[in-house]
Every structure is written in structure tokens, then in C-alpha cells.
Amino acid sequence: MPPFSDIGWDLTALAFGYLVGSIPFGIVFTRLAGLGDLRALGSGNIGATNVLRTGNRALAAATLIGDVLKGTLAVSVAELVLGRDFALVAGLGAVLGHLFPLWLGFKGGKGVATYLGVLIGLAWPAALVFAGVWLLTAAISRYSSLSGLVASVSVPVALYALGYPAESLLFVMLTVIVWAKHAENIRRLASDTEPKIGARP
């Protein structure tokens, strides 16, 4: 790459990740399927869990895959073009883009799928840990939000244990952001009013 300041490349990676992460697959797919604005359905969230509440499992799966892959794409392209350090910045941008997309008035999803996509792109063995914890928690509780929260806590520990210290620090930050974004879900879980997987509120 041509000479450029580190701050300049950091901002470039962050902006690239943000733009990729802000693609609202849930809204795009539900509109194409003639289901209207996803934000007016179910919980109002733009992610796969709310798409599943429309009853269309294929559409929910497509949304999940899209939201995961945009995180993976952001970090993979950034690493290929700019290097590993800037891939971490792009990963942060991708999650922020999903959570606060410009096109939707900065009101996006909860970030778990894109969080996982970034993890796959940076350290896929840790992504297997995340998936295993998520599946186990979901099987026991039937709560998607709780599963994502529990699985996210395991990620920084898994990354550090697997020899990814810089990535572990990034995911400490991302985990805190994801938990903050789930504040309402946490309140509903505490009051036993959180919808379970597949439920239609």
C-alpha cells in the first residue's frame, strides 16, 4: 500500500468496516419477500431472531448468514489489503455499523451475528467456542438473547487461551458493547417477559 499515516489507515479501516456492517440484510430480505418493514414487526429488531418471528425460517437463515458474513468480509478484506492490525479496527467498525447504521437513523440490531462474523474472520477456533456455548445455552433456555450474551462472555477468554491477545482485547470491548445493546433484553430476562426463540410477541 502507498505510504499513509497509521491514523489515516485506521480511519479507512474503521469506515470500511462500518459501511459493510451497516448493510441491513433483515430489512432488505423481508421487504423483497413482501413482508413490509421488519422494524414494524415482532420486536422491531432488524436481526435474524425477529425475522424468524415472521414464520419464514428460510428468510431468517438468509438474514443470519448475511449478518455473519458482513463481519467476516470486513475483517478479511482489511487484513488482505492493510494487514492484521487494521483488520481488528475494521472488525470494530463492522459491529458498530450493524448496531448504528447511518441508513436507519443509527438504530440497528443487537450485533451478535456480526460479532460472530468478525470472530470467524479473525480467529475461527474461538468462533467454534462461541457457537458451542450459544447452542448449549439456547438448547437449555430457548432464549436467543441470553445465548448470545453467555457465549460472548466466553470469547475473550477463549481468544486469550488460544494465543490471540490483541483479538481478546478487541472482543472485551465488543462484548461490553453487545451487552449494553442488550440492556432491554436483560431487563425482560430478569422479569421473565423475554420472548423465546420462534415466539411471536
Protein backbone atom coordinates (compact mmCIF):
# COMPACT_ATOMS: atom_id res chain seq x y z
CA MET A 1 0.00 0.00 0.00
CA PRO A 2 1.16 3.62 -0.59
CA PRO A 3 2.60 5.50 2.41
CA PHE A 4 -0.08 6.84 4.69
CA SER A 5 -0.33 7.66 8.38
CA ASP A 6 -1.42 4.95 10.80
CA ILE A 7 -4.32 7.14 11.90
CA GLY A 8 -5.34 7.55 8.27
CA TRP A 9 -5.39 3.81 7.68
CA ASP A 10 -7.16 3.25 11.00
CA LEU A 11 -9.93 5.63 9.93
CA THR A 12 -10.07 3.99 6.50
CA ALA A 13 -10.40 0.52 8.03
CA LEU A 14 -12.99 1.73 10.52
CA ALA A 15 -15.06 3.41 7.80
CA PHE A 16 -14.84 0.37 5.52
CA GLY A 17 -15.91 -1.96 8.29
CA TYR A 18 -18.73 0.38 9.29
CA LEU A 19 -20.13 0.60 5.75
CA VAL A 20 -20.05 -3.17 5.28
CA GLY A 21 -21.51 -3.80 8.73
CA SER A 22 -24.34 -1.34 8.22
CA ILE A 23 -25.97 -3.31 5.39
CA PRO A 24 -29.41 -4.19 6.92
CA PHE A 25 -29.98 -7.65 5.48
CA GLY A 26 -33.05 -8.32 7.63
CA ILE A 27 -34.86 -5.27 6.29
CA VAL A 28 -33.75 -5.87 2.71
CA PHE A 29 -34.81 -9.52 2.68
CA THR A 30 -38.18 -9.01 4.37
CA ARG A 31 -39.06 -6.18 2.01
CA LEU A 32 -38.10 -8.26 -1.00
CA ALA A 33 -40.32 -11.03 0.37
CA GLY A 34 -43.26 -8.62 0.64
CA LEU A 35 -43.37 -8.69 4.44
CA GLY A 36 -43.10 -4.94 4.87
CA ASP A 37 -40.79 -3.09 7.23
CA LEU A 38 -39.22 -5.51 9.70
CA ARG A 39 -39.00 -2.72 12.27
CA ALA A 40 -42.80 -2.71 12.48
CA LEU A 41 -42.97 -6.47 13.12
CA GLY A 42 -42.36 -8.53 16.26
CA SER A 43 -39.74 -6.94 18.49
CA GLY A 44 -38.83 -4.33 15.90
CA ASN A 45 -35.24 -5.57 15.75
CA ILE A 46 -33.57 -5.96 12.33
CA GLY A 47 -31.81 -9.26 13.05
CA ALA A 48 -32.49 -12.89 12.26
CA THR A 49 -34.32 -13.63 15.52
CA ASN A 50 -37.03 -11.10 14.67
CA VAL A 51 -37.16 -12.29 11.05
CA LEU A 52 -37.84 -15.77 12.44
CA ARG A 53 -40.93 -14.36 14.16
CA THR A 54 -42.43 -13.73 10.73
CA GLY A 55 -42.64 -17.52 10.37
CA ASN A 56 -40.24 -17.58 7.42
CA ARG A 57 -37.33 -19.75 8.51
CA ALA A 58 -35.51 -19.52 5.17
CA LEU A 59 -35.58 -15.74 5.35
CA ALA A 60 -34.32 -15.81 8.94
CA ALA A 61 -31.47 -18.12 7.91
CA ALA A 62 -30.56 -15.83 5.00
CA THR A 63 -30.52 -12.84 7.35
CA LEU A 64 -28.32 -14.67 9.84
CA ILE A 65 -25.87 -15.69 7.12
CA GLY A 66 -25.77 -12.17 5.69
CA ASP A 67 -25.19 -10.55 9.07
CA VAL A 68 -22.42 -13.04 9.89
CA LEU A 69 -20.69 -12.78 6.53
CA LYS A 70 -20.54 -8.99 6.53
CA GLY A 71 -18.40 -9.18 9.68
CA THR A 72 -16.17 -11.83 8.14
CA LEU A 73 -15.88 -9.91 4.87
CA ALA A 74 -14.92 -6.67 6.61
CA VAL A 75 -12.01 -8.16 8.55
CA SER A 76 -10.85 -10.48 5.76
CA VAL A 77 -10.60 -7.72 3.15
CA ALA A 78 -8.97 -5.32 5.61
CA GLU A 79 -6.38 -7.92 6.58
CA LEU A 80 -5.64 -8.79 2.95
CA VAL A 81 -5.22 -5.16 1.89
CA LEU A 82 -3.93 -3.41 5.02
CA GLY A 83 -2.74 -6.06 7.47
CA ARG A 84 -3.81 -7.71 10.70
CA ASP A 85 -3.85 -4.67 12.97
CA PHE A 86 -6.18 -2.80 10.65
CA ALA A 87 -8.41 -5.87 10.36
CA LEU A 88 -9.12 -5.52 14.07
CA VAL A 89 -10.18 -1.92 13.50
CA ALA A 90 -12.38 -2.98 10.59
CA GLY A 91 -13.99 -5.58 12.85
CA LEU A 92 -14.88 -2.90 15.37
CA GLY A 93 -16.32 -0.83 12.54
CA ALA A 94 -18.42 -3.73 11.26
CA VAL A 95 -20.09 -4.31 14.61
CA LEU A 96 -20.68 -0.58 15.11
CA GLY A 97 -22.15 -0.40 11.61
CA HIS A 98 -24.65 -3.14 12.40
CA LEU A 99 -25.57 -1.56 15.72
CA PHE A 100 -25.78 2.03 14.46
CA PRO A 101 -26.39 2.06 10.68
CA LEU A 102 -26.48 5.51 9.10
CA TRP A 103 -29.28 4.45 6.72
CA LEU A 104 -31.64 3.58 9.59
CA GLY A 105 -31.15 6.65 11.75
CA PHE A 106 -28.41 4.85 13.71
CA LYS A 107 -30.98 2.34 15.04
CA GLY A 108 -29.73 -1.12 14.15
CA GLY A 109 -29.61 -4.65 15.52
CA LYS A 110 -28.09 -6.22 18.60
CA GLY A 111 -24.83 -7.19 16.90
CA VAL A 112 -24.39 -10.83 17.88
CA ALA A 113 -24.34 -12.28 14.34
CA THR A 114 -21.89 -9.67 13.05
CA TYR A 115 -19.82 -10.12 16.22
CA LEU A 116 -19.60 -13.81 15.32
CA GLY A 117 -18.69 -13.00 11.72
CA VAL A 118 -15.81 -10.81 12.85
CA LEU A 119 -14.68 -13.61 15.16
CA ILE A 120 -14.75 -16.13 12.31
CA GLY A 121 -12.60 -13.84 10.19
CA LEU A 122 -10.05 -13.22 12.91
CA ALA A 123 -9.87 -16.48 14.88
CA TRP A 124 -12.20 -19.25 13.73
CA PRO A 125 -11.29 -21.67 16.56
CA ALA A 126 -12.71 -19.16 19.05
CA ALA A 127 -15.81 -18.90 16.86
CA LEU A 128 -16.34 -22.63 17.44
CA VAL A 129 -16.27 -21.99 21.18
CA PHE A 130 -18.83 -19.21 20.76
CA ALA A 131 -21.09 -21.46 18.65
CA GLY A 132 -20.87 -24.32 21.12
CA VAL A 133 -21.74 -22.13 24.10
CA TRP A 134 -24.57 -20.44 22.16
CA LEU A 135 -26.10 -23.76 21.09
CA LEU A 136 -25.88 -25.26 24.57
CA THR A 137 -27.42 -22.20 26.21
CA ALA A 138 -30.15 -21.99 23.56
CA ALA A 139 -30.99 -25.67 23.96
CA ILE A 140 -31.39 -25.23 27.71
CA SER A 141 -33.04 -21.80 27.87
CA ARG A 142 -34.68 -21.25 24.45
CA TYR A 143 -33.65 -17.59 24.71
CA SER A 144 -31.64 -16.22 21.77
CA SER A 145 -30.59 -13.09 23.65
CA LEU A 146 -29.35 -15.00 26.69
CA SER A 147 -27.46 -17.41 24.46
CA GLY A 148 -25.66 -14.59 22.71
CA LEU A 149 -24.81 -12.86 25.96
CA VAL A 150 -23.43 -16.00 27.62
CA ALA A 151 -21.48 -17.00 24.51
CA SER A 152 -19.96 -13.53 24.15
CA VAL A 153 -18.50 -13.72 27.65
CA SER A 154 -16.62 -16.87 26.69
CA VAL A 155 -14.97 -15.27 23.66
CA PRO A 156 -12.26 -13.03 25.19
CA VAL A 157 -11.21 -15.89 27.48
CA ALA A 158 -11.09 -18.35 24.57
CA LEU A 159 -9.10 -15.93 22.41
CA TYR A 160 -6.51 -15.33 25.12
CA ALA A 161 -6.19 -19.05 25.83
CA LEU A 162 -5.74 -19.74 22.11
CA GLY A 163 -2.94 -17.19 21.77
CA TYR A 164 -4.79 -14.15 20.39
CA PRO A 165 -4.11 -11.41 22.98
CA ALA A 166 -4.84 -8.42 20.73
CA GLU A 167 -8.04 -10.02 19.49
CA SER A 168 -9.01 -10.79 23.09
CA LEU A 169 -8.78 -7.09 23.96
CA LEU A 170 -10.92 -6.18 20.95
CA PHE A 171 -13.57 -8.67 21.99
CA VAL A 172 -13.60 -7.43 25.56
CA MET A 173 -14.67 -4.11 24.04
CA LEU A 174 -17.14 -5.69 21.63
CA THR A 175 -18.65 -7.84 24.38
CA VAL A 176 -19.24 -4.79 26.57
CA ILE A 177 -20.90 -3.03 23.61
CA VAL A 178 -23.11 -6.03 22.84
CA TRP A 179 -24.17 -6.33 26.49
CA ALA A 180 -25.01 -2.62 26.61
CA LYS A 181 -27.08 -3.00 23.46
CA HIS A 182 -28.99 -5.86 25.13
CA ALA A 183 -29.99 -3.80 28.19
CA GLU A 184 -33.70 -4.12 27.42
CA ASN A 185 -33.37 -7.87 26.79
CA ILE A 186 -31.61 -8.25 30.14
CA ARG A 187 -34.48 -6.43 31.87
CA ARG A 188 -37.01 -8.71 30.16
CA LEU A 189 -35.00 -11.79 31.07
CA ALA A 190 -34.96 -10.66 34.69
CA SER A 191 -38.74 -10.15 34.65
CA ASP A 192 -39.39 -13.39 32.69
CA THR A 193 -41.02 -11.50 29.79
CA GLU A 194 -38.37 -12.10 27.11
CA PRO A 195 -39.81 -13.95 24.04
CA LYS A 196 -38.28 -17.35 23.43
CA ILE A 197 -36.81 -18.49 20.12
CA GLY A 198 -39.52 -18.71 17.45
CA ALA A 199 -42.15 -17.00 19.61
CA ARG A 200 -44.33 -14.29 18.10
CA PRO A 201 -44.82 -11.43 20.54
